[in-house]
N, C-alpha and C. Protein backbone atom coordinates (compact mmCIF):
# COMPACT_ATOMS: atom_id res chain seq x y z
N MET A 1 6.66 -16.09 18.80
CA MET A 1 5.42 -15.46 18.40
C MET A 1 5.54 -14.96 16.96
N GLU A 2 4.55 -15.28 16.13
CA GLU A 2 4.53 -14.82 14.74
C GLU A 2 4.11 -13.36 14.71
N ARG A 3 4.67 -12.65 13.78
CA ARG A 3 4.31 -11.25 13.62
C ARG A 3 3.44 -11.09 12.39
N GLY A 4 2.36 -10.36 12.54
CA GLY A 4 1.46 -10.13 11.42
C GLY A 4 2.07 -9.24 10.36
N GLY A 5 1.40 -9.15 9.24
CA GLY A 5 1.88 -8.33 8.14
C GLY A 5 0.73 -7.66 7.43
N CYS A 6 1.07 -6.72 6.61
CA CYS A 6 0.07 -5.95 5.89
C CYS A 6 0.56 -5.69 4.47
N VAL A 7 -0.33 -5.89 3.51
CA VAL A 7 -0.06 -5.50 2.14
C VAL A 7 -0.81 -4.19 1.91
N TYR A 8 -0.21 -3.29 1.14
CA TYR A 8 -0.83 -1.98 0.96
C TYR A 8 -0.53 -1.43 -0.44
N ILE A 9 -1.36 -0.49 -0.86
CA ILE A 9 -1.17 0.18 -2.15
C ILE A 9 -1.16 1.68 -1.91
N MET A 10 -0.14 2.33 -2.46
CA MET A 10 -0.01 3.79 -2.43
C MET A 10 -0.22 4.30 -3.86
N THR A 11 -0.71 5.53 -3.98
CA THR A 11 -0.89 6.13 -5.29
C THR A 11 -0.59 7.63 -5.22
N THR A 12 -0.70 8.29 -6.37
CA THR A 12 -0.47 9.73 -6.47
C THR A 12 -1.78 10.48 -6.24
N VAL A 13 -1.72 11.80 -6.20
CA VAL A 13 -2.94 12.60 -6.06
C VAL A 13 -3.87 12.41 -7.26
N PHE A 14 -3.32 11.98 -8.40
CA PHE A 14 -4.12 11.76 -9.60
C PHE A 14 -4.59 10.31 -9.74
N ASN A 15 -4.21 9.46 -8.78
CA ASN A 15 -4.59 8.04 -8.78
C ASN A 15 -4.16 7.31 -10.05
N ASN A 16 -3.00 7.67 -10.59
CA ASN A 16 -2.60 7.09 -11.87
C ASN A 16 -1.34 6.21 -11.82
N ILE A 17 -0.65 6.19 -10.72
CA ILE A 17 0.54 5.34 -10.54
C ILE A 17 0.35 4.60 -9.23
N TYR A 18 0.67 3.30 -9.22
CA TYR A 18 0.44 2.48 -8.04
C TYR A 18 1.71 1.82 -7.55
N TYR A 19 1.86 1.80 -6.24
CA TYR A 19 2.96 1.09 -5.59
C TYR A 19 2.35 0.10 -4.61
N THR A 20 2.73 -1.16 -4.73
CA THR A 20 2.26 -2.19 -3.81
C THR A 20 3.42 -2.60 -2.93
N GLY A 21 3.19 -2.63 -1.63
CA GLY A 21 4.23 -2.98 -0.68
C GLY A 21 3.71 -3.89 0.42
N VAL A 22 4.64 -4.36 1.23
CA VAL A 22 4.30 -5.21 2.37
C VAL A 22 5.13 -4.75 3.56
N THR A 23 4.55 -4.81 4.75
CA THR A 23 5.24 -4.37 5.96
C THR A 23 4.60 -4.99 7.19
N SER A 24 5.34 -4.99 8.27
CA SER A 24 4.75 -5.40 9.55
C SER A 24 4.39 -4.19 10.40
N GLU A 25 4.74 -3.00 9.93
CA GLU A 25 4.46 -1.74 10.65
C GLU A 25 3.86 -0.73 9.68
N LEU A 26 2.57 -0.88 9.36
CA LEU A 26 1.95 -0.07 8.30
C LEU A 26 2.03 1.43 8.57
N ARG A 27 1.64 1.87 9.75
CA ARG A 27 1.62 3.31 10.02
C ARG A 27 3.01 3.91 9.83
N ASN A 28 4.03 3.27 10.38
CA ASN A 28 5.39 3.78 10.24
C ASN A 28 5.87 3.76 8.80
N ARG A 29 5.54 2.69 8.08
CA ARG A 29 6.01 2.58 6.69
C ARG A 29 5.36 3.63 5.81
N VAL A 30 4.07 3.86 5.97
CA VAL A 30 3.39 4.88 5.17
C VAL A 30 3.93 6.26 5.52
N TRP A 31 4.19 6.50 6.80
CA TRP A 31 4.79 7.77 7.20
C TRP A 31 6.12 7.97 6.48
N GLU A 32 6.93 6.93 6.39
CA GLU A 32 8.22 7.02 5.67
C GLU A 32 7.99 7.41 4.21
N HIS A 33 6.99 6.80 3.57
CA HIS A 33 6.69 7.16 2.17
C HIS A 33 6.29 8.63 2.08
N LYS A 34 5.39 9.06 2.94
CA LYS A 34 4.88 10.42 2.88
C LYS A 34 5.96 11.47 3.16
N ASN A 35 6.98 11.08 3.91
CA ASN A 35 8.03 12.02 4.30
C ASN A 35 9.34 11.81 3.56
N ASN A 36 9.31 11.08 2.48
CA ASN A 36 10.48 10.86 1.61
C ASN A 36 11.72 10.44 2.39
N VAL A 37 11.54 9.52 3.32
CA VAL A 37 12.67 9.02 4.10
C VAL A 37 13.71 8.39 3.17
N TYR A 38 13.23 7.77 2.10
CA TYR A 38 14.12 7.16 1.10
C TYR A 38 13.92 7.90 -0.21
N PRO A 39 14.65 9.01 -0.43
CA PRO A 39 14.39 9.89 -1.57
C PRO A 39 14.59 9.27 -2.94
N LYS A 40 15.30 8.15 -3.04
CA LYS A 40 15.50 7.51 -4.33
C LYS A 40 14.51 6.37 -4.58
N SER A 41 13.56 6.19 -3.66
CA SER A 41 12.60 5.10 -3.79
C SER A 41 11.56 5.41 -4.86
N PHE A 42 10.85 4.36 -5.28
CA PHE A 42 9.78 4.49 -6.28
C PHE A 42 8.72 5.49 -5.81
N THR A 43 8.29 5.35 -4.55
CA THR A 43 7.23 6.23 -4.06
C THR A 43 7.66 7.69 -4.02
N SER A 44 8.91 7.95 -3.72
CA SER A 44 9.41 9.33 -3.73
C SER A 44 9.52 9.85 -5.15
N LYS A 45 10.08 9.04 -6.02
CA LYS A 45 10.27 9.45 -7.42
C LYS A 45 8.95 9.80 -8.10
N TYR A 46 7.92 8.98 -7.85
CA TYR A 46 6.64 9.17 -8.52
C TYR A 46 5.58 9.82 -7.64
N LYS A 47 5.98 10.26 -6.44
CA LYS A 47 5.09 10.98 -5.52
C LYS A 47 3.84 10.18 -5.16
N CYS A 48 4.05 8.91 -4.83
CA CYS A 48 2.96 8.04 -4.37
C CYS A 48 2.85 8.19 -2.86
N TYR A 49 2.07 9.15 -2.42
CA TYR A 49 1.98 9.48 -1.01
C TYR A 49 0.62 9.18 -0.39
N LYS A 50 -0.31 8.66 -1.18
CA LYS A 50 -1.68 8.43 -0.69
C LYS A 50 -1.92 6.93 -0.51
N LEU A 51 -2.25 6.55 0.72
CA LEU A 51 -2.58 5.16 1.03
C LEU A 51 -4.04 4.92 0.65
N VAL A 52 -4.27 4.04 -0.34
CA VAL A 52 -5.64 3.81 -0.81
C VAL A 52 -6.15 2.40 -0.55
N TYR A 53 -5.26 1.50 -0.12
CA TYR A 53 -5.67 0.11 0.13
C TYR A 53 -4.71 -0.52 1.12
N PHE A 54 -5.27 -1.33 2.03
CA PHE A 54 -4.43 -2.16 2.88
C PHE A 54 -5.23 -3.34 3.39
N GLN A 55 -4.53 -4.41 3.67
CA GLN A 55 -5.15 -5.61 4.22
C GLN A 55 -4.17 -6.27 5.17
N PHE A 56 -4.62 -6.57 6.39
CA PHE A 56 -3.78 -7.22 7.39
C PHE A 56 -3.88 -8.73 7.29
N PHE A 57 -2.80 -9.41 7.66
CA PHE A 57 -2.72 -10.86 7.68
C PHE A 57 -2.11 -11.30 9.00
N PRO A 58 -2.48 -12.49 9.48
CA PRO A 58 -1.97 -12.98 10.76
C PRO A 58 -0.45 -13.17 10.79
N ASN A 59 0.14 -13.46 9.63
CA ASN A 59 1.61 -13.55 9.61
C ASN A 59 2.16 -12.93 8.34
N ILE A 60 3.39 -12.53 8.39
CA ILE A 60 4.03 -11.78 7.30
C ILE A 60 4.12 -12.60 6.02
N GLU A 61 4.26 -13.92 6.15
CA GLU A 61 4.36 -14.76 4.95
C GLU A 61 3.09 -14.68 4.09
N GLU A 62 1.94 -14.63 4.75
CA GLU A 62 0.68 -14.48 4.02
C GLU A 62 0.62 -13.13 3.31
N ALA A 63 1.09 -12.10 3.99
CA ALA A 63 1.09 -10.76 3.39
C ALA A 63 2.02 -10.71 2.17
N ILE A 64 3.17 -11.36 2.27
CA ILE A 64 4.11 -11.39 1.15
C ILE A 64 3.49 -12.13 -0.04
N THR A 65 2.81 -13.23 0.22
CA THR A 65 2.15 -13.98 -0.85
C THR A 65 1.10 -13.12 -1.55
N GLU A 66 0.32 -12.37 -0.76
CA GLU A 66 -0.71 -11.49 -1.34
C GLU A 66 -0.06 -10.34 -2.11
N GLU A 67 1.03 -9.80 -1.62
CA GLU A 67 1.74 -8.73 -2.34
C GLU A 67 2.17 -9.23 -3.72
N LYS A 68 2.73 -10.42 -3.77
CA LYS A 68 3.17 -10.99 -5.05
C LYS A 68 1.99 -11.21 -5.99
N ARG A 69 0.86 -11.66 -5.44
CA ARG A 69 -0.33 -11.86 -6.26
C ARG A 69 -0.82 -10.54 -6.84
N ILE A 70 -0.88 -9.50 -6.02
CA ILE A 70 -1.33 -8.19 -6.49
C ILE A 70 -0.36 -7.63 -7.53
N LYS A 71 0.94 -7.70 -7.26
CA LYS A 71 1.93 -7.19 -8.21
C LYS A 71 1.87 -7.92 -9.54
N GLY A 72 1.51 -9.21 -9.50
CA GLY A 72 1.42 -9.99 -10.73
C GLY A 72 0.15 -9.75 -11.51
N GLY A 73 -0.80 -9.07 -10.91
CA GLY A 73 -2.08 -8.80 -11.56
C GLY A 73 -2.02 -7.60 -12.47
N SER A 74 -3.10 -7.39 -13.17
CA SER A 74 -3.19 -6.27 -14.11
C SER A 74 -3.47 -4.95 -13.37
N ARG A 75 -3.30 -3.88 -14.09
CA ARG A 75 -3.63 -2.56 -13.56
C ARG A 75 -5.11 -2.51 -13.17
N GLN A 76 -5.97 -3.06 -14.01
CA GLN A 76 -7.41 -3.05 -13.74
C GLN A 76 -7.74 -3.84 -12.49
N GLN A 77 -7.04 -4.93 -12.25
CA GLN A 77 -7.27 -5.71 -11.02
C GLN A 77 -6.91 -4.89 -9.79
N LYS A 78 -5.84 -4.10 -9.86
CA LYS A 78 -5.47 -3.23 -8.75
C LYS A 78 -6.55 -2.17 -8.51
N ILE A 79 -7.03 -1.58 -9.59
CA ILE A 79 -8.08 -0.56 -9.50
C ILE A 79 -9.34 -1.17 -8.86
N ASN A 80 -9.72 -2.37 -9.30
CA ASN A 80 -10.90 -3.02 -8.75
C ASN A 80 -10.73 -3.33 -7.26
N LEU A 81 -9.53 -3.74 -6.88
CA LEU A 81 -9.24 -4.03 -5.48
C LEU A 81 -9.39 -2.77 -4.64
N ILE A 82 -8.83 -1.66 -5.12
CA ILE A 82 -8.93 -0.38 -4.41
C ILE A 82 -10.38 0.07 -4.32
N LYS A 83 -11.09 0.03 -5.43
CA LYS A 83 -12.49 0.47 -5.45
C LYS A 83 -13.36 -0.36 -4.52
N GLY A 84 -13.03 -1.65 -4.36
CA GLY A 84 -13.80 -2.51 -3.48
C GLY A 84 -13.69 -2.11 -2.02
N LEU A 85 -12.53 -1.62 -1.62
CA LEU A 85 -12.30 -1.20 -0.23
C LEU A 85 -12.54 0.30 -0.04
N ASN A 86 -12.18 1.07 -1.05
CA ASN A 86 -12.10 2.52 -0.90
C ASN A 86 -12.65 3.20 -2.17
N PRO A 87 -13.96 3.15 -2.39
CA PRO A 87 -14.53 3.68 -3.64
C PRO A 87 -14.29 5.17 -3.86
N GLU A 88 -14.06 5.91 -2.79
CA GLU A 88 -13.82 7.35 -2.92
C GLU A 88 -12.33 7.68 -3.12
N TRP A 89 -11.48 6.68 -3.04
CA TRP A 89 -10.02 6.85 -3.19
C TRP A 89 -9.47 7.86 -2.18
N ILE A 90 -9.98 7.85 -0.95
CA ILE A 90 -9.46 8.76 0.06
C ILE A 90 -8.15 8.22 0.63
N ASP A 91 -7.37 9.10 1.21
CA ASP A 91 -6.13 8.68 1.87
C ASP A 91 -6.51 8.04 3.20
N LEU A 92 -6.20 6.76 3.34
CA LEU A 92 -6.58 6.00 4.52
C LEU A 92 -5.59 6.13 5.68
N PHE A 93 -4.54 6.88 5.50
CA PHE A 93 -3.49 6.99 6.52
C PHE A 93 -4.06 7.43 7.88
N GLU A 94 -4.95 8.41 7.87
CA GLU A 94 -5.50 8.93 9.12
C GLU A 94 -6.44 7.95 9.80
N THR A 95 -6.87 6.91 9.10
CA THR A 95 -7.76 5.92 9.71
C THR A 95 -6.98 4.85 10.48
N LEU A 96 -5.67 4.84 10.34
CA LEU A 96 -4.85 3.83 11.00
C LEU A 96 -4.72 4.14 12.47
N ASP A 97 -4.73 3.11 13.30
CA ASP A 97 -4.56 3.28 14.75
C ASP A 97 -3.11 3.49 15.10
């Protein structure tokens, strides 16, 4: 059985630094970011604790491809992607099942 995946973007309270990641367990992974499970990570160092974008895919390979596409894009492309899903830039963590 194939396992789905999710690409996501985290940011700071000021919405000025972005981290793009991929995972098969979004709720758990975002919880790890918010709780500094990995204190030397990018998200801990720059305090990217707010989930502002995510997209699910039927398999992890598709999610990885999308993560690479987003990371290769410009800052403005990331902002446009976030605004398209989440124009208020709210933390989407609580909306996860």
